[in-house]
């Protein structure tokens, strides 16, 4: 099997679903996309980046950024607990499709992105609509097909590792 062709087709399929997620109101989308941040300053930067992309994101998806509390680093485990508390306060997670991207690192190996975080760092790829891409944009595209393959659940991702796969590999399960 030609891996390059397979990944190229998978990306093309994901791009199509991404386009449908922002243009077709009934297309299955994430109910929540939640980013974790290392502090309030980073969280504010993430929120501004999301706001700048509003017209390129599904309008029915709720976006939130959860910073580590009191400036104390809690790691991905502690950040996940903060996300669960947030979701509980928002009415719970039952029946919801939730994407969590842990992105609260300090970017010590890439210090030019320490304030903004690696998640919004540019990647050497121009999107099909002509925009310059960031890791966040690539996450939103690559994960766009997943909500249509699951009824509910939470997917946790590391914000510094781009996951590209063919979502057709996710078996739809009957829940009734």
C-alpha atoms as a PDB file:
ATOM      1  CA  UNK A   1       0.000   0.000   0.000  1.00  0.00           C
ATOM      2  CA  UNK A   2       1.246   3.472  -0.841  1.00  0.00           C
ATOM      3  CA  UNK A   3       1.218   5.216   2.563  1.00  0.00           C
ATOM      4  CA  UNK A   4       1.645   8.682   1.066  1.00  0.00           C
ATOM      5  CA  UNK A   5      -1.377   8.223  -1.192  1.00  0.00           C
ATOM      6  CA  UNK A   6      -3.428   6.792   1.692  1.00  0.00           C
ATOM      7  CA  UNK A   7      -2.609   9.747   3.980  1.00  0.00           C
ATOM      8  CA  UNK A   8      -3.218  12.206   1.162  1.00  0.00           C
ATOM      9  CA  UNK A   9      -6.663  10.714   0.514  1.00  0.00           C
ATOM     10  CA  UNK A  10      -7.410  10.653   4.265  1.00  0.00           C
ATOM     11  CA  UNK A  11      -6.528  14.353   4.512  1.00  0.00           C
ATOM     12  CA  UNK A  12      -8.642  15.149   1.461  1.00  0.00           C
ATOM     13  CA  UNK A  13     -11.596  13.312   3.018  1.00  0.00           C
ATOM     14  CA  UNK A  14     -11.073  15.176   6.305  1.00  0.00           C
ATOM     15  CA  UNK A  15     -10.911  18.513   4.451  1.00  0.00           C
ATOM     16  CA  UNK A  16     -14.266  17.726   2.826  1.00  0.00           C
ATOM     17  CA  UNK A  17     -15.826  16.961   6.207  1.00  0.00           C
ATOM     18  CA  UNK A  18     -14.252  20.104   7.665  1.00  0.00           C
ATOM     19  CA  UNK A  19     -15.833  22.203   4.891  1.00  0.00           C
ATOM     20  CA  UNK A  20     -19.203  20.539   5.513  1.00  0.00           C
ATOM     21  CA  UNK A  21     -18.862  21.144   9.273  1.00  0.00           C
ATOM     22  CA  UNK A  22     -18.721  24.901   8.726  1.00  0.00           C
ATOM     23  CA  UNK A  23     -21.278  25.151   5.924  1.00  0.00           C
ATOM     24  CA  UNK A  24     -24.010  22.567   6.659  1.00  0.00           C
ATOM     25  CA  UNK A  25     -25.883  23.205   9.939  1.00  0.00           C
ATOM     26  CA  UNK A  26     -26.977  19.567  10.299  1.00  0.00           C
ATOM     27  CA  UNK A  27     -23.515  18.082   9.743  1.00  0.00           C
ATOM     28  CA  UNK A  28     -22.283  16.246  12.888  1.00  0.00           C
ATOM     29  CA  UNK A  29     -19.768  18.392  14.782  1.00  0.00           C
ATOM     30  CA  UNK A  30     -18.070  18.368  18.175  1.00  0.00           C
ATOM     31  CA  UNK A  31     -20.400  19.715  20.845  1.00  0.00           C
ATOM     32  CA  UNK A  32     -17.393  21.062  22.729  1.00  0.00           C
ATOM     33  CA  UNK A  33     -13.796  21.706  21.741  1.00  0.00           C
ATOM     34  CA  UNK A  34     -11.806  22.430  24.872  1.00  0.00           C
ATOM     35  CA  UNK A  35      -8.193  23.558  24.958  1.00  0.00           C
ATOM     36  CA  UNK A  36      -6.123  23.422  28.106  1.00  0.00           C
ATOM     37  CA  UNK A  37      -3.577  26.168  28.789  1.00  0.00           C
ATOM     38  CA  UNK A  38      -0.733  26.506  31.277  1.00  0.00           C
ATOM     39  CA  UNK A  39      -1.885  29.877  32.646  1.00  0.00           C
ATOM     40  CA  UNK A  40      -4.374  32.733  32.231  1.00  0.00           C
ATOM     41  CA  UNK A  41      -2.114  34.631  29.801  1.00  0.00           C
ATOM     42  CA  UNK A  42      -1.809  31.636  27.491  1.00  0.00           C
ATOM     43  CA  UNK A  43      -5.560  30.989  27.793  1.00  0.00           C
ATOM     44  CA  UNK A  44      -6.315  34.554  26.714  1.00  0.00           C
ATOM     45  CA  UNK A  45      -4.003  34.148  23.707  1.00  0.00           C
ATOM     46  CA  UNK A  46      -5.770  30.909  22.747  1.00  0.00           C
ATOM     47  CA  UNK A  47      -9.187  32.585  23.059  1.00  0.00           C
ATOM     48  CA  UNK A  48      -8.063  35.405  20.745  1.00  0.00           C
ATOM     49  CA  UNK A  49      -6.805  32.878  18.197  1.00  0.00           C
ATOM     50  CA  UNK A  50     -10.141  31.041  18.284  1.00  0.00           C
ATOM     51  CA  UNK A  51     -12.055  34.307  17.954  1.00  0.00           C
ATOM     52  CA  UNK A  52      -9.940  35.210  14.887  1.00  0.00           C
ATOM     53  CA  UNK A  53     -10.994  31.899  13.303  1.00  0.00           C
ATOM     54  CA  UNK A  54     -14.731  32.105  14.096  1.00  0.00           C
ATOM     55  CA  UNK A  55     -15.765  32.072  10.427  1.00  0.00           C
ATOM     56  CA  UNK A  56     -13.625  28.956   9.867  1.00  0.00           C
ATOM     57  CA  UNK A  57     -15.069  26.959  12.761  1.00  0.00           C
ATOM     58  CA  UNK A  58     -18.375  25.116  13.151  1.00  0.00           C
ATOM     59  CA  UNK A  59     -20.907  27.571  14.556  1.00  0.00           C
ATOM     60  CA  UNK A  60     -22.676  24.947  16.697  1.00  0.00           C
ATOM     61  CA  UNK A  61     -19.497  23.925  18.521  1.00  0.00           C
ATOM     62  CA  UNK A  62     -18.785  25.498  21.905  1.00  0.00           C
ATOM     63  CA  UNK A  63     -15.128  26.425  22.287  1.00  0.00           C
ATOM     64  CA  UNK A  64     -13.547  26.846  25.712  1.00  0.00           C
ATOM     65  CA  UNK A  65     -10.061  27.321  27.082  1.00  0.00           C
ATOM     66  CA  UNK A  66      -9.286  26.032  30.569  1.00  0.00           C
ATOM     67  CA  UNK A  67      -6.076  27.336  32.190  1.00  0.00           C
ATOM     68  CA  UNK A  68      -4.241  25.619  35.019  1.00  0.00           C
ATOM     69  CA  UNK A  69      -5.527  27.270  38.186  1.00  0.00           C
ATOM     70  CA  UNK A  70      -3.475  29.711  40.254  1.00  0.00           C
ATOM     71  CA  UNK A  71      -0.527  29.407  37.863  1.00  0.00           C
ATOM     72  CA  UNK A  72       0.289  25.955  39.233  1.00  0.00           C
ATOM     73  CA  UNK A  73       1.171  23.393  36.563  1.00  0.00           C
ATOM     74  CA  UNK A  74      -1.047  20.344  36.906  1.00  0.00           C
ATOM     75  CA  UNK A  75      -0.101  18.335  33.814  1.00  0.00           C
ATOM     76  CA  UNK A  76      -2.500  16.602  31.460  1.00  0.00           C
ATOM     77  CA  UNK A  77      -4.124  14.558  34.234  1.00  0.00           C
ATOM     78  CA  UNK A  78      -4.932  17.584  36.361  1.00  0.00           C
ATOM     79  CA  UNK A  79      -6.038  19.518  33.280  1.00  0.00           C
ATOM     80  CA  UNK A  80      -8.422  16.688  32.385  1.00  0.00           C
ATOM     81  CA  UNK A  81      -9.983  16.951  35.849  1.00  0.00           C
ATOM     82  CA  UNK A  82     -10.443  20.702  35.279  1.00  0.00           C
ATOM     83  CA  UNK A  83     -12.137  19.939  31.952  1.00  0.00           C
ATOM     84  CA  UNK A  84     -14.485  17.450  33.640  1.00  0.00           C
ATOM     85  CA  UNK A  85     -15.394  20.038  36.283  1.00  0.00           C
ATOM     86  CA  UNK A  86     -16.051  22.621  33.535  1.00  0.00           C
ATOM     87  CA  UNK A  87     -18.293  20.186  31.651  1.00  0.00           C
ATOM     88  CA  UNK A  88     -20.155  19.305  34.853  1.00  0.00           C
ATOM     89  CA  UNK A  89     -20.773  23.026  35.469  1.00  0.00           C
ATOM     90  CA  UNK A  90     -22.027  23.338  31.864  1.00  0.00           C
ATOM     91  CA  UNK A  91     -24.650  20.651  32.408  1.00  0.00           C
ATOM     92  CA  UNK A  92     -22.600  17.507  32.049  1.00  0.00           C
ATOM     93  CA  UNK A  93     -21.133  15.460  29.254  1.00  0.00           C
ATOM     94  CA  UNK A  94     -23.766  12.798  28.733  1.00  0.00           C
ATOM     95  CA  UNK A  95     -24.775  12.535  25.088  1.00  0.00           C
ATOM     96  CA  UNK A  96     -22.074  14.983  24.019  1.00  0.00           C
ATOM     97  CA  UNK A  97     -19.142  14.661  21.625  1.00  0.00           C
ATOM     98  CA  UNK A  98     -16.166  16.405  23.175  1.00  0.00           C
ATOM     99  CA  UNK A  99     -12.701  17.079  21.793  1.00  0.00           C
ATOM    100  CA  UNK A 100     -10.052  18.042  24.356  1.00  0.00           C
ATOM    101  CA  UNK A 101      -6.667  19.259  23.172  1.00  0.00           C
ATOM    102  CA  UNK A 102      -4.071  19.422  25.924  1.00  0.00           C
ATOM    103  CA  UNK A 103      -1.935  22.376  24.944  1.00  0.00           C
ATOM    104  CA  UNK A 104      -0.635  23.874  28.156  1.00  0.00           C
ATOM    105  CA  UNK A 105       3.051  23.250  27.598  1.00  0.00           C
ATOM    106  CA  UNK A 106       5.795  25.833  27.981  1.00  0.00           C
ATOM    107  CA  UNK A 107       7.322  25.239  24.529  1.00  0.00           C
ATOM    108  CA  UNK A 108      10.803  25.121  26.028  1.00  0.00           C
ATOM    109  CA  UNK A 109      12.204  23.465  22.904  1.00  0.00           C
ATOM    110  CA  UNK A 110      10.469  26.051  20.698  1.00  0.00           C
ATOM    111  CA  UNK A 111      10.699  29.217  22.829  1.00  0.00           C
ATOM    112  CA  UNK A 112       9.372  31.540  20.107  1.00  0.00           C
ATOM    113  CA  UNK A 113       5.957  29.952  20.727  1.00  0.00           C
ATOM    114  CA  UNK A 114       6.038  29.889  24.527  1.00  0.00           C
ATOM    115  CA  UNK A 115       3.520  32.735  24.975  1.00  0.00           C
ATOM    116  CA  UNK A 116       1.145  31.565  22.273  1.00  0.00           C
ATOM    117  CA  UNK A 117       1.825  27.859  22.666  1.00  0.00           C
ATOM    118  CA  UNK A 118       2.776  25.289  20.071  1.00  0.00           C
ATOM    119  CA  UNK A 119      -0.858  24.681  19.201  1.00  0.00           C
ATOM    120  CA  UNK A 120      -1.070  27.936  17.252  1.00  0.00           C
ATOM    121  CA  UNK A 121       2.390  27.743  15.744  1.00  0.00           C
ATOM    122  CA  UNK A 122       2.500  27.802  11.954  1.00  0.00           C
ATOM    123  CA  UNK A 123       3.006  24.627   9.990  1.00  0.00           C
ATOM    124  CA  UNK A 124       4.567  24.562   6.524  1.00  0.00           C
ATOM    125  CA  UNK A 125       1.274  23.956   4.757  1.00  0.00           C
ATOM    126  CA  UNK A 126      -1.153  26.202   2.950  1.00  0.00           C
ATOM    127  CA  UNK A 127      -4.780  25.217   3.390  1.00  0.00           C
ATOM    128  CA  UNK A 128      -6.920  24.551   0.331  1.00  0.00           C
ATOM    129  CA  UNK A 129      -8.694  27.872   0.893  1.00  0.00           C
ATOM    130  CA  UNK A 130      -5.353  29.741   0.719  1.00  0.00           C
ATOM    131  CA  UNK A 131      -4.897  30.422   4.444  1.00  0.00           C
ATOM    132  CA  UNK A 132      -1.642  29.715   6.223  1.00  0.00           C
ATOM    133  CA  UNK A 133      -2.113  26.816   8.584  1.00  0.00           C
ATOM    134  CA  UNK A 134      -1.354  26.250  12.243  1.00  0.00           C
ATOM    135  CA  UNK A 135      -1.315  23.062  14.238  1.00  0.00           C
ATOM    136  CA  UNK A 136      -4.753  24.005  15.630  1.00  0.00           C
ATOM    137  CA  UNK A 137      -6.171  24.360  12.112  1.00  0.00           C
ATOM    138  CA  UNK A 138      -4.783  20.950  11.188  1.00  0.00           C
ATOM    139  CA  UNK A 139      -6.359  19.425  14.320  1.00  0.00           C
ATOM    140  CA  UNK A 140      -9.750  20.873  13.444  1.00  0.00           C
ATOM    141  CA  UNK A 141      -9.517  19.504   9.911  1.00  0.00           C
ATOM    142  CA  UNK A 142      -8.176  16.062  10.860  1.00  0.00           C
ATOM    143  CA  UNK A 143     -10.757  15.565  13.627  1.00  0.00           C
ATOM    144  CA  UNK A 144     -13.771  16.885  11.657  1.00  0.00           C
ATOM    145  CA  UNK A 145     -14.902  13.425  10.485  1.00  0.00           C
ATOM    146  CA  UNK A 146     -14.866  11.881  13.988  1.00  0.00           C
ATOM    147  CA  UNK A 147     -18.164  13.286  15.391  1.00  0.00           C
ATOM    148  CA  UNK A 148     -20.061  11.616  12.560  1.00  0.00           C
ATOM    149  CA  UNK A 149     -18.571   8.259  13.567  1.00  0.00           C
ATOM    150  CA  UNK A 150     -19.416   8.398  17.286  1.00  0.00           C
ATOM    151  CA  UNK A 151     -22.656   9.044  19.133  1.00  0.00           C
ATOM    152  CA  UNK A 152     -21.034  10.461  22.261  1.00  0.00           C
ATOM    153  CA  UNK A 153     -17.708  10.480  24.020  1.00  0.00           C
ATOM    154  CA  UNK A 154     -14.576  12.418  24.756  1.00  0.00           C
ATOM    155  CA  UNK A 155     -11.395  12.353  22.705  1.00  0.00           C
ATOM    156  CA  UNK A 156      -8.243  13.607  24.441  1.00  0.00           C
ATOM    157  CA  UNK A 157      -5.338  14.708  22.268  1.00  0.00           C
ATOM    158  CA  UNK A 158      -1.879  16.064  22.918  1.00  0.00           C
ATOM    159  CA  UNK A 159      -1.595  19.502  21.343  1.00  0.00           C
ATOM    160  CA  UNK A 160       1.908  18.992  20.047  1.00  0.00           C
ATOM    161  CA  UNK A 161       1.351  15.798  18.062  1.00  0.00           C
ATOM    162  CA  UNK A 162      -0.686  15.945  14.876  1.00  0.00           C
ATOM    163  CA  UNK A 163      -2.762  12.832  14.442  1.00  0.00           C
ATOM    164  CA  UNK A 164      -3.709  12.006  10.873  1.00  0.00           C
ATOM    165  CA  UNK A 165      -5.664   8.851  10.214  1.00  0.00           C
ATOM    166  CA  UNK A 166      -8.630   7.721   8.213  1.00  0.00           C
ATOM    167  CA  UNK A 167     -11.738   8.041  10.418  1.00  0.00           C
ATOM    168  CA  UNK A 168     -13.453   5.360   8.354  1.00  0.00           C
ATOM    169  CA  UNK A 169     -11.393   3.008  10.511  1.00  0.00           C
ATOM    170  CA  UNK A 170     -13.618   3.959  13.462  1.00  0.00           C
ATOM    171  CA  UNK A 171     -16.375   1.383  13.545  1.00  0.00           C
ATOM    172  CA  UNK A 172     -19.790   2.822  14.118  1.00  0.00           C
ATOM    173  CA  UNK A 173     -21.448   0.988  16.955  1.00  0.00           C
ATOM    174  CA  UNK A 174     -25.112   0.610  17.487  1.00  0.00           C
ATOM    175  CA  UNK A 175     -26.156   1.880  20.890  1.00  0.00           C
ATOM    176  CA  UNK A 176     -29.703   0.617  20.827  1.00  0.00           C
END
